[in-house]
mmCIF file of all heavy atoms, coordinates in Angstrom:
data_MODEL
# 
_entry.id   MODEL 
# 
loop_
_atom_site.group_PDB 
_atom_site.id 
_atom_site.type_symbol 
_atom_site.label_atom_id 
_atom_site.label_alt_id 
_atom_site.label_comp_id 
_atom_site.label_asym_id 
_atom_site.label_entity_id 
_atom_site.label_seq_id 
_atom_site.pdbx_PDB_ins_code 
_atom_site.Cartn_x 
_atom_site.Cartn_y 
_atom_site.Cartn_z 
_atom_site.occupancy 
_atom_site.B_iso_or_equiv 
_atom_site.pdbx_formal_charge 
_atom_site.auth_seq_id 
_atom_site.auth_comp_id 
_atom_site.auth_asym_id 
_atom_site.auth_atom_id 
_atom_site.pdbx_PDB_model_num 
ATOM 1   N N   . ARG A 1 1  ? 0.704   -1.518 -7.287  1.00 0.00 ? 1  ARG A N   1 
ATOM 2   C CA  . ARG A 1 1  ? -0.135  -0.338 -7.515  1.00 0.00 ? 1  ARG A CA  1 
ATOM 3   C C   . ARG A 1 1  ? -1.606  -0.727 -7.687  1.00 0.00 ? 1  ARG A C   1 
ATOM 4   O O   . ARG A 1 1  ? -2.502  -0.052 -7.162  1.00 0.00 ? 1  ARG A O   1 
ATOM 5   C CB  . ARG A 1 1  ? 0.359   0.440  -8.739  1.00 0.00 ? 1  ARG A CB  1 
ATOM 6   C CG  . ARG A 1 1  ? -0.474  1.684  -9.045  1.00 0.00 ? 1  ARG A CG  1 
ATOM 7   C CD  . ARG A 1 1  ? 0.177   2.576  -10.068 1.00 0.00 ? 1  ARG A CD  1 
ATOM 8   N NE  . ARG A 1 1  ? 1.410   3.163  -9.555  1.00 0.00 ? 1  ARG A NE  1 
ATOM 9   C CZ  . ARG A 1 1  ? 1.455   4.227  -8.751  1.00 0.00 ? 1  ARG A CZ  1 
ATOM 10  N NH1 . ARG A 1 1  ? 0.326   4.807  -8.352  1.00 0.00 ? 1  ARG A NH1 1 
ATOM 11  N NH2 . ARG A 1 1  ? 2.608   4.698  -8.353  1.00 0.00 ? 1  ARG A NH2 1 
ATOM 12  N N   . GLU A 1 2  ? -1.855  -1.812 -8.400  1.00 0.00 ? 2  GLU A N   1 
ATOM 13  C CA  . GLU A 1 2  ? -3.239  -2.268 -8.577  1.00 0.00 ? 2  GLU A CA  1 
ATOM 14  C C   . GLU A 1 2  ? -3.873  -2.616 -7.235  1.00 0.00 ? 2  GLU A C   1 
ATOM 15  O O   . GLU A 1 2  ? -5.052  -2.345 -7.003  1.00 0.00 ? 2  GLU A O   1 
ATOM 16  C CB  . GLU A 1 2  ? -3.281  -3.481 -9.505  1.00 0.00 ? 2  GLU A CB  1 
ATOM 17  C CG  . GLU A 1 2  ? -2.931  -3.186 -10.952 1.00 0.00 ? 2  GLU A CG  1 
ATOM 18  C CD  . GLU A 1 2  ? -2.888  -4.445 -11.793 1.00 0.00 ? 2  GLU A CD  1 
ATOM 19  O OE1 . GLU A 1 2  ? -3.973  -5.010 -12.054 1.00 0.00 ? 2  GLU A OE1 1 
ATOM 20  O OE2 . GLU A 1 2  ? -1.773  -4.874 -12.163 1.00 0.00 ? 2  GLU A OE2 1 
ATOM 21  N N   . VAL A 1 3  ? -3.078  -3.246 -6.349  1.00 0.00 ? 3  VAL A N   1 
ATOM 22  C CA  . VAL A 1 3  ? -3.596  -3.596 -5.023  1.00 0.00 ? 3  VAL A CA  1 
ATOM 23  C C   . VAL A 1 3  ? -3.912  -2.334 -4.231  1.00 0.00 ? 3  VAL A C   1 
ATOM 24  O O   . VAL A 1 3  ? -4.997  -2.203 -3.642  1.00 0.00 ? 3  VAL A O   1 
ATOM 25  C CB  . VAL A 1 3  ? -2.592  -4.486 -4.260  1.00 0.00 ? 3  VAL A CB  1 
ATOM 26  C CG1 . VAL A 1 3  ? -3.107  -4.779 -2.848  1.00 0.00 ? 3  VAL A CG1 1 
ATOM 27  C CG2 . VAL A 1 3  ? -2.347  -5.788 -5.011  1.00 0.00 ? 3  VAL A CG2 1 
ATOM 28  N N   . PHE A 1 4  ? -2.968  -1.392 -4.208  1.00 0.00 ? 4  PHE A N   1 
ATOM 29  C CA  . PHE A 1 4  ? -3.179  -0.161 -3.446  1.00 0.00 ? 4  PHE A CA  1 
ATOM 30  C C   . PHE A 1 4  ? -4.353  0.642  -3.994  1.00 0.00 ? 4  PHE A C   1 
ATOM 31  O O   . PHE A 1 4  ? -5.126  1.229  -3.228  1.00 0.00 ? 4  PHE A O   1 
ATOM 32  C CB  . PHE A 1 4  ? -1.903  0.695  -3.453  1.00 0.00 ? 4  PHE A CB  1 
ATOM 33  C CG  . PHE A 1 4  ? -0.887  0.288  -2.419  1.00 0.00 ? 4  PHE A CG  1 
ATOM 34  C CD1 . PHE A 1 4  ? 0.121   -0.604 -2.736  1.00 0.00 ? 4  PHE A CD1 1 
ATOM 35  C CD2 . PHE A 1 4  ? -0.945  0.791  -1.128  1.00 0.00 ? 4  PHE A CD2 1 
ATOM 36  C CE1 . PHE A 1 4  ? 1.058   -0.990 -1.787  1.00 0.00 ? 4  PHE A CE1 1 
ATOM 37  C CE2 . PHE A 1 4  ? -0.014  0.413  -0.168  1.00 0.00 ? 4  PHE A CE2 1 
ATOM 38  C CZ  . PHE A 1 4  ? 0.990   -0.478 -0.490  1.00 0.00 ? 4  PHE A CZ  1 
ATOM 39  N N   . GLU A 1 5  ? -4.492  0.667  -5.300  1.00 0.00 ? 5  GLU A N   1 
ATOM 40  C CA  . GLU A 1 5  ? -5.578  1.449  -5.899  1.00 0.00 ? 5  GLU A CA  1 
ATOM 41  C C   . GLU A 1 5  ? -6.934  0.776  -5.759  1.00 0.00 ? 5  GLU A C   1 
ATOM 42  O O   . GLU A 1 5  ? -7.961  1.446  -5.659  1.00 0.00 ? 5  GLU A O   1 
ATOM 43  C CB  . GLU A 1 5  ? -5.278  1.704  -7.381  1.00 0.00 ? 5  GLU A CB  1 
ATOM 44  C CG  . GLU A 1 5  ? -4.133  2.680  -7.602  1.00 0.00 ? 5  GLU A CG  1 
ATOM 45  C CD  . GLU A 1 5  ? -3.850  2.914  -9.084  1.00 0.00 ? 5  GLU A CD  1 
ATOM 46  O OE1 . GLU A 1 5  ? -4.439  2.190  -9.924  1.00 0.00 ? 5  GLU A OE1 1 
ATOM 47  O OE2 . GLU A 1 5  ? -3.047  3.814  -9.394  1.00 0.00 ? 5  GLU A OE2 1 
ATOM 48  N N   . GLY A 1 6  ? -6.947  -0.557 -5.709  1.00 0.00 ? 6  GLY A N   1 
ATOM 49  C CA  . GLY A 1 6  ? -8.220  -1.262 -5.749  1.00 0.00 ? 6  GLY A CA  1 
ATOM 50  C C   . GLY A 1 6  ? -8.776  -1.734 -4.425  1.00 0.00 ? 6  GLY A C   1 
ATOM 51  O O   . GLY A 1 6  ? -9.937  -2.132 -4.359  1.00 0.00 ? 6  GLY A O   1 
ATOM 52  N N   . CYS A 1 7  ? -7.968  -1.697 -3.359  1.00 0.00 ? 7  CYS A N   1 
ATOM 53  C CA  . CYS A 1 7  ? -8.392  -2.311 -2.094  1.00 0.00 ? 7  CYS A CA  1 
ATOM 54  C C   . CYS A 1 7  ? -8.675  -1.276 -0.999  1.00 0.00 ? 7  CYS A C   1 
ATOM 55  O O   . CYS A 1 7  ? -7.991  -0.262 -0.891  1.00 0.00 ? 7  CYS A O   1 
ATOM 56  C CB  . CYS A 1 7  ? -7.332  -3.290 -1.609  1.00 0.00 ? 7  CYS A CB  1 
ATOM 57  S SG  . CYS A 1 7  ? -7.163  -4.730 -2.691  1.00 0.00 ? 7  CYS A SG  1 
ATOM 58  N N   . GLU A 1 8  ? -9.667  -1.601 -0.185  1.00 0.00 ? 8  GLU A N   1 
ATOM 59  C CA  . GLU A 1 8  ? -10.036 -0.729 0.928   1.00 0.00 ? 8  GLU A CA  1 
ATOM 60  C C   . GLU A 1 8  ? -9.116  -0.902 2.124   1.00 0.00 ? 8  GLU A C   1 
ATOM 61  O O   . GLU A 1 8  ? -8.915  0.026  2.904   1.00 0.00 ? 8  GLU A O   1 
ATOM 62  C CB  . GLU A 1 8  ? -11.473 -1.025 1.354   1.00 0.00 ? 8  GLU A CB  1 
ATOM 63  C CG  . GLU A 1 8  ? -12.508 -0.795 0.262   1.00 0.00 ? 8  GLU A CG  1 
ATOM 64  C CD  . GLU A 1 8  ? -13.782 -1.565 0.543   1.00 0.00 ? 8  GLU A CD  1 
ATOM 65  O OE1 . GLU A 1 8  ? -14.587 -1.079 1.376   1.00 0.00 ? 8  GLU A OE1 1 
ATOM 66  O OE2 . GLU A 1 8  ? -13.975 -2.651 -0.041  1.00 0.00 ? 8  GLU A OE2 1 
ATOM 67  N N   . MET A 1 9  ? -8.581  -2.110 2.293   1.00 0.00 ? 9  MET A N   1 
ATOM 68  C CA  . MET A 1 9  ? -7.650  -2.377 3.386   1.00 0.00 ? 9  MET A CA  1 
ATOM 69  C C   . MET A 1 9  ? -6.416  -3.074 2.837   1.00 0.00 ? 9  MET A C   1 
ATOM 70  O O   . MET A 1 9  ? -6.531  -4.033 2.076   1.00 0.00 ? 9  MET A O   1 
ATOM 71  C CB  . MET A 1 9  ? -8.280  -3.231 4.494   1.00 0.00 ? 9  MET A CB  1 
ATOM 72  C CG  . MET A 1 9  ? -7.296  -3.577 5.621   1.00 0.00 ? 9  MET A CG  1 
ATOM 73  S SD  . MET A 1 9  ? -8.045  -4.179 7.152   1.00 0.00 ? 9  MET A SD  1 
ATOM 74  C CE  . MET A 1 9  ? -8.674  -5.774 6.651   1.00 0.00 ? 9  MET A CE  1 
ATOM 75  N N   . ILE A 1 10 ? -5.243  -2.578 3.256   1.00 0.00 ? 10 ILE A N   1 
ATOM 76  C CA  . ILE A 1 10 ? -3.965  -3.176 2.889   1.00 0.00 ? 10 ILE A CA  1 
ATOM 77  C C   . ILE A 1 10 ? -3.388  -3.860 4.120   1.00 0.00 ? 10 ILE A C   1 
ATOM 78  O O   . ILE A 1 10 ? -3.232  -3.232 5.172   1.00 0.00 ? 10 ILE A O   1 
ATOM 79  C CB  . ILE A 1 10 ? -2.963  -2.118 2.378   1.00 0.00 ? 10 ILE A CB  1 
ATOM 80  C CG1 . ILE A 1 10 ? -3.555  -1.322 1.206   1.00 0.00 ? 10 ILE A CG1 1 
ATOM 81  C CG2 . ILE A 1 10 ? -1.639  -2.776 1.997   1.00 0.00 ? 10 ILE A CG2 1 
ATOM 82  C CD1 . ILE A 1 10 ? -3.826  -2.140 -0.032  1.00 0.00 ? 10 ILE A CD1 1 
ATOM 83  N N   . VAL A 1 11 ? -3.075  -5.151 3.991   1.00 0.00 ? 11 VAL A N   1 
ATOM 84  C CA  . VAL A 1 11 ? -2.468  -5.913 5.082   1.00 0.00 ? 11 VAL A CA  1 
ATOM 85  C C   . VAL A 1 11 ? -1.028  -6.219 4.683   1.00 0.00 ? 11 VAL A C   1 
ATOM 86  O O   . VAL A 1 11 ? -0.781  -6.864 3.657   1.00 0.00 ? 11 VAL A O   1 
ATOM 87  C CB  . VAL A 1 11 ? -3.237  -7.222 5.348   1.00 0.00 ? 11 VAL A CB  1 
ATOM 88  C CG1 . VAL A 1 11 ? -2.594  -7.989 6.507   1.00 0.00 ? 11 VAL A CG1 1 
ATOM 89  C CG2 . VAL A 1 11 ? -4.702  -6.923 5.677   1.00 0.00 ? 11 VAL A CG2 1 
ATOM 90  N N   . LYS A 1 12 ? -0.084  -5.734 5.489   1.00 0.00 ? 12 LYS A N   1 
ATOM 91  C CA  . LYS A 1 12 ? 1.333   -5.925 5.194   1.00 0.00 ? 12 LYS A CA  1 
ATOM 92  C C   . LYS A 1 12 ? 2.034   -6.550 6.406   1.00 0.00 ? 12 LYS A C   1 
ATOM 93  O O   . LYS A 1 12 ? 1.399   -6.928 7.380   1.00 0.00 ? 12 LYS A O   1 
ATOM 94  C CB  . LYS A 1 12 ? 2.012   -4.591 4.865   1.00 0.00 ? 12 LYS A CB  1 
ATOM 95  C CG  . LYS A 1 12 ? 1.578   -3.981 3.510   1.00 0.00 ? 12 LYS A CG  1 
ATOM 96  C CD  . LYS A 1 12 ? 2.326   -2.680 3.247   1.00 0.00 ? 12 LYS A CD  1 
ATOM 97  C CE  . LYS A 1 12 ? 3.707   -2.911 2.664   1.00 0.00 ? 12 LYS A CE  1 
ATOM 98  N NZ  . LYS A 1 12 ? 4.756   -3.253 3.611   1.00 0.00 ? 12 LYS A NZ  1 
ATOM 99  N N   . VAL A 1 13 ? 3.364   -6.582 6.313   1.00 0.00 ? 13 VAL A N   1 
ATOM 100 C CA  . VAL A 1 13 ? 4.197   -6.993 7.439   1.00 0.00 ? 13 VAL A CA  1 
ATOM 101 C C   . VAL A 1 13 ? 5.001   -5.799 7.918   1.00 0.00 ? 13 VAL A C   1 
ATOM 102 O O   . VAL A 1 13 ? 4.839   -5.332 9.034   1.00 0.00 ? 13 VAL A O   1 
ATOM 103 C CB  . VAL A 1 13 ? 5.135   -8.157 7.067   1.00 0.00 ? 13 VAL A CB  1 
ATOM 104 C CG1 . VAL A 1 13 ? 6.031   -8.520 8.257   1.00 0.00 ? 13 VAL A CG1 1 
ATOM 105 C CG2 . VAL A 1 13 ? 4.344   -9.366 6.623   1.00 0.00 ? 13 VAL A CG2 1 
ATOM 106 N N   . LYS A 1 14 ? 5.871   -5.282 7.051   1.00 0.00 ? 14 LYS A N   1 
ATOM 107 C CA  . LYS A 1 14 ? 6.724   -4.167 7.430   1.00 0.00 ? 14 LYS A CA  1 
ATOM 108 C C   . LYS A 1 14 ? 6.059   -2.838 7.111   1.00 0.00 ? 14 LYS A C   1 
ATOM 109 O O   . LYS A 1 14 ? 5.121   -2.747 6.311   1.00 0.00 ? 14 LYS A O   1 
ATOM 110 C CB  . LYS A 1 14 ? 8.079   -4.252 6.723   1.00 0.00 ? 14 LYS A CB  1 
ATOM 111 C CG  . LYS A 1 14 ? 8.946   -5.401 7.196   1.00 0.00 ? 14 LYS A CG  1 
ATOM 112 C CD  . LYS A 1 14 ? 9.176   -5.366 8.711   1.00 0.00 ? 14 LYS A CD  1 
ATOM 113 C CE  . LYS A 1 14 ? 10.004  -4.184 9.164   1.00 0.00 ? 14 LYS A CE  1 
ATOM 114 N NZ  . LYS A 1 14 ? 10.159  -4.148 10.645  1.00 0.00 ? 14 LYS A NZ  1 
ATOM 115 N N   . GLU A 1 15 ? 6.596   -1.788 7.743   1.00 0.00 ? 15 GLU A N   1 
ATOM 116 C CA  . GLU A 1 15 ? 6.109   -0.439 7.484   1.00 0.00 ? 15 GLU A CA  1 
ATOM 117 C C   . GLU A 1 15 ? 6.192   -0.130 5.988   1.00 0.00 ? 15 GLU A C   1 
ATOM 118 O O   . GLU A 1 15 ? 7.110   -0.591 5.310   1.00 0.00 ? 15 GLU A O   1 
ATOM 119 C CB  . GLU A 1 15 ? 6.923   0.594  8.279   1.00 0.00 ? 15 GLU A CB  1 
ATOM 120 C CG  . GLU A 1 15 ? 8.357   0.816  7.811   1.00 0.00 ? 15 GLU A CG  1 
ATOM 121 C CD  . GLU A 1 15 ? 9.332   -0.246 8.285   1.00 0.00 ? 15 GLU A CD  1 
ATOM 122 O OE1 . GLU A 1 15 ? 8.932   -1.148 9.043   1.00 0.00 ? 15 GLU A OE1 1 
ATOM 123 O OE2 . GLU A 1 15 ? 10.519  -0.171 7.878   1.00 0.00 ? 15 GLU A OE2 1 
ATOM 124 N N   . PRO A 1 16 ? 5.228   0.614  5.458   1.00 0.00 ? 16 PRO A N   1 
ATOM 125 C CA  . PRO A 1 16 ? 5.268   0.927  4.023   1.00 0.00 ? 16 PRO A CA  1 
ATOM 126 C C   . PRO A 1 16 ? 6.509   1.750  3.689   1.00 0.00 ? 16 PRO A C   1 
ATOM 127 O O   . PRO A 1 16 ? 6.841   2.713  4.381   1.00 0.00 ? 16 PRO A O   1 
ATOM 128 C CB  . PRO A 1 16 ? 3.979   1.720  3.791   1.00 0.00 ? 16 PRO A CB  1 
ATOM 129 C CG  . PRO A 1 16 ? 3.625   2.284  5.135   1.00 0.00 ? 16 PRO A CG  1 
ATOM 130 C CD  . PRO A 1 16 ? 4.089   1.262  6.137   1.00 0.00 ? 16 PRO A CD  1 
ATOM 131 N N   . GLN A 1 17 ? 7.197   1.350  2.631   1.00 0.00 ? 17 GLN A N   1 
ATOM 132 C CA  . GLN A 1 17 ? 8.350   2.105  2.163   1.00 0.00 ? 17 GLN A CA  1 
ATOM 133 C C   . GLN A 1 17 ? 7.866   3.343  1.397   1.00 0.00 ? 17 GLN A C   1 
ATOM 134 O O   . GLN A 1 17 ? 6.682   3.497  1.111   1.00 0.00 ? 17 GLN A O   1 
ATOM 135 C CB  . GLN A 1 17 ? 9.207   1.213  1.278   1.00 0.00 ? 17 GLN A CB  1 
ATOM 136 C CG  . GLN A 1 17 ? 9.648   -0.080 1.961   1.00 0.00 ? 17 GLN A CG  1 
ATOM 137 C CD  . GLN A 1 17 ? 10.466  0.144  3.219   1.00 0.00 ? 17 GLN A CD  1 
ATOM 138 O OE1 . GLN A 1 17 ? 11.606  0.593  3.157   1.00 0.00 ? 17 GLN A OE1 1 
ATOM 139 N NE2 . GLN A 1 17 ? 9.892   -0.157 4.374   1.00 0.00 ? 17 GLN A NE2 1 
ATOM 140 N N   . ALA A 1 18 ? 8.792   4.243  1.080   1.00 0.00 ? 18 ALA A N   1 
ATOM 141 C CA  . ALA A 1 18 ? 8.404   5.527  0.491   1.00 0.00 ? 18 ALA A CA  1 
ATOM 142 C C   . ALA A 1 18 ? 7.549   5.348  -0.758  1.00 0.00 ? 18 ALA A C   1 
ATOM 143 O O   . ALA A 1 18 ? 6.532   6.047  -0.941  1.00 0.00 ? 18 ALA A O   1 
ATOM 144 C CB  . ALA A 1 18 ? 9.649   6.348  0.184   1.00 0.00 ? 18 ALA A CB  1 
ATOM 145 N N   . ALA A 1 19 ? 7.931   4.401  -1.624  1.00 0.00 ? 19 ALA A N   1 
ATOM 146 C CA  . ALA A 1 19 ? 7.161   4.180  -2.850  1.00 0.00 ? 19 ALA A CA  1 
ATOM 147 C C   . ALA A 1 19 ? 5.750   3.674  -2.556  1.00 0.00 ? 19 ALA A C   1 
ATOM 148 O O   . ALA A 1 19 ? 4.801   3.989  -3.279  1.00 0.00 ? 19 ALA A O   1 
ATOM 149 C CB  . ALA A 1 19 ? 7.897   3.181  -3.747  1.00 0.00 ? 19 ALA A CB  1 
ATOM 150 N N   . GLU A 1 20 ? 5.614   2.908  -1.484  1.00 0.00 ? 20 GLU A N   1 
ATOM 151 C CA  . GLU A 1 20 ? 4.296   2.394  -1.101  1.00 0.00 ? 20 GLU A CA  1 
ATOM 152 C C   . GLU A 1 20 ? 3.465   3.485  -0.443  1.00 0.00 ? 20 GLU A C   1 
ATOM 153 O O   . GLU A 1 20 ? 2.242   3.579  -0.684  1.00 0.00 ? 20 GLU A O   1 
ATOM 154 C CB  . GLU A 1 20 ? 4.465   1.206  -0.151  1.00 0.00 ? 20 GLU A CB  1 
ATOM 155 C CG  . GLU A 1 20 ? 5.139   0.006  -0.796  1.00 0.00 ? 20 GLU A CG  1 
ATOM 156 C CD  . GLU A 1 20 ? 5.478   -1.087 0.190   1.00 0.00 ? 20 GLU A CD  1 
ATOM 157 O OE1 . GLU A 1 20 ? 5.957   -0.770 1.317   1.00 0.00 ? 20 GLU A OE1 1 
ATOM 158 O OE2 . GLU A 1 20 ? 5.274   -2.266 -0.146  1.00 0.00 ? 20 GLU A OE2 1 
ATOM 159 N N   . ARG A 1 21 ? 4.098   4.308  0.359   1.00 0.00 ? 21 ARG A N   1 
ATOM 160 C CA  . ARG A 1 21 ? 3.364   5.390  1.027   1.00 0.00 ? 21 ARG A CA  1 
ATOM 161 C C   . ARG A 1 21 ? 2.758   6.350  0.007   1.00 0.00 ? 21 ARG A C   1 
ATOM 162 O O   . ARG A 1 21 ? 1.698   6.929  0.238   1.00 0.00 ? 21 ARG A O   1 
ATOM 163 C CB  . ARG A 1 21 ? 4.284   6.136  2.004   1.00 0.00 ? 21 ARG A CB  1 
ATOM 164 C CG  . ARG A 1 21 ? 4.830   5.259  3.110   1.00 0.00 ? 21 ARG A CG  1 
ATOM 165 C CD  . ARG A 1 21 ? 5.388   6.060  4.258   1.00 0.00 ? 21 ARG A CD  1 
ATOM 166 N NE  . ARG A 1 21 ? 6.551   6.865  3.938   1.00 0.00 ? 21 ARG A NE  1 
ATOM 167 C CZ  . ARG A 1 21 ? 7.819   6.459  4.073   1.00 0.00 ? 21 ARG A CZ  1 
ATOM 168 N NH1 . ARG A 1 21 ? 8.071   5.210  4.470   1.00 0.00 ? 21 ARG A NH1 1 
ATOM 169 N NH2 . ARG A 1 21 ? 8.826   7.271  3.811   1.00 0.00 ? 21 ARG A NH2 1 
ATOM 170 N N   . ALA A 1 22 ? 3.447   6.509  -1.102  1.00 0.00 ? 22 ALA A N   1 
ATOM 171 C CA  . ALA A 1 22 ? 2.951   7.409  -2.149  1.00 0.00 ? 22 ALA A CA  1 
ATOM 172 C C   . ALA A 1 22 ? 1.660   6.891  -2.777  1.00 0.00 ? 22 ALA A C   1 
ATOM 173 O O   . ALA A 1 22 ? 0.929   7.656  -3.412  1.00 0.00 ? 22 ALA A O   1 
ATOM 174 C CB  . ALA A 1 22 ? 4.019   7.594  -3.222  1.00 0.00 ? 22 ALA A CB  1 
ATOM 175 N N   . MET A 1 23 ? 1.365   5.603  -2.589  1.00 0.00 ? 23 MET A N   1 
ATOM 176 C CA  . MET A 1 23 ? 0.156   5.016  -3.182  1.00 0.00 ? 23 MET A CA  1 
ATOM 177 C C   . MET A 1 23 ? -1.010  4.953  -2.197  1.00 0.00 ? 23 MET A C   1 
ATOM 178 O O   . MET A 1 23 ? -2.123  4.581  -2.588  1.00 0.00 ? 23 MET A O   1 
ATOM 179 C CB  . MET A 1 23 ? 0.470   3.615  -3.718  1.00 0.00 ? 23 MET A CB  1 
ATOM 180 C CG  . MET A 1 23 ? 1.452   3.616  -4.875  1.00 0.00 ? 23 MET A CG  1 
ATOM 181 S SD  . MET A 1 23 ? 1.689   1.975  -5.635  1.00 0.00 ? 23 MET A SD  1 
ATOM 182 C CE  . MET A 1 23 ? 2.833   1.213  -4.464  1.00 0.00 ? 23 MET A CE  1 
ATOM 183 N N   . LEU A 1 24 ? -0.774  5.274  -0.936  1.00 0.00 ? 24 LEU A N   1 
ATOM 184 C CA  . LEU A 1 24 ? -1.855  5.256  0.048   1.00 0.00 ? 24 LEU A CA  1 
ATOM 185 C C   . LEU A 1 24 ? -2.795  6.429  -0.195  1.00 0.00 ? 24 LEU A C   1 
ATOM 186 O O   . LEU A 1 24 ? -2.398  7.474  -0.713  1.00 0.00 ? 24 LEU A O   1 
ATOM 187 C CB  . LEU A 1 24 ? -1.279  5.333  1.463   1.00 0.00 ? 24 LEU A CB  1 
ATOM 188 C CG  . LEU A 1 24 ? -0.491  4.106  1.929   1.00 0.00 ? 24 LEU A CG  1 
ATOM 189 C CD1 . LEU A 1 24 ? 0.273   4.431  3.206   1.00 0.00 ? 24 LEU A CD1 1 
ATOM 190 C CD2 . LEU A 1 24 ? -1.420  2.922  2.145   1.00 0.00 ? 24 LEU A CD2 1 
# 
């Protein structure tokens, strides 16, 4: 959550899961 809230760009591997999408 800190990463999603604090960063302008998120670099991942797999598609964001539902819990991650809620933080975008």
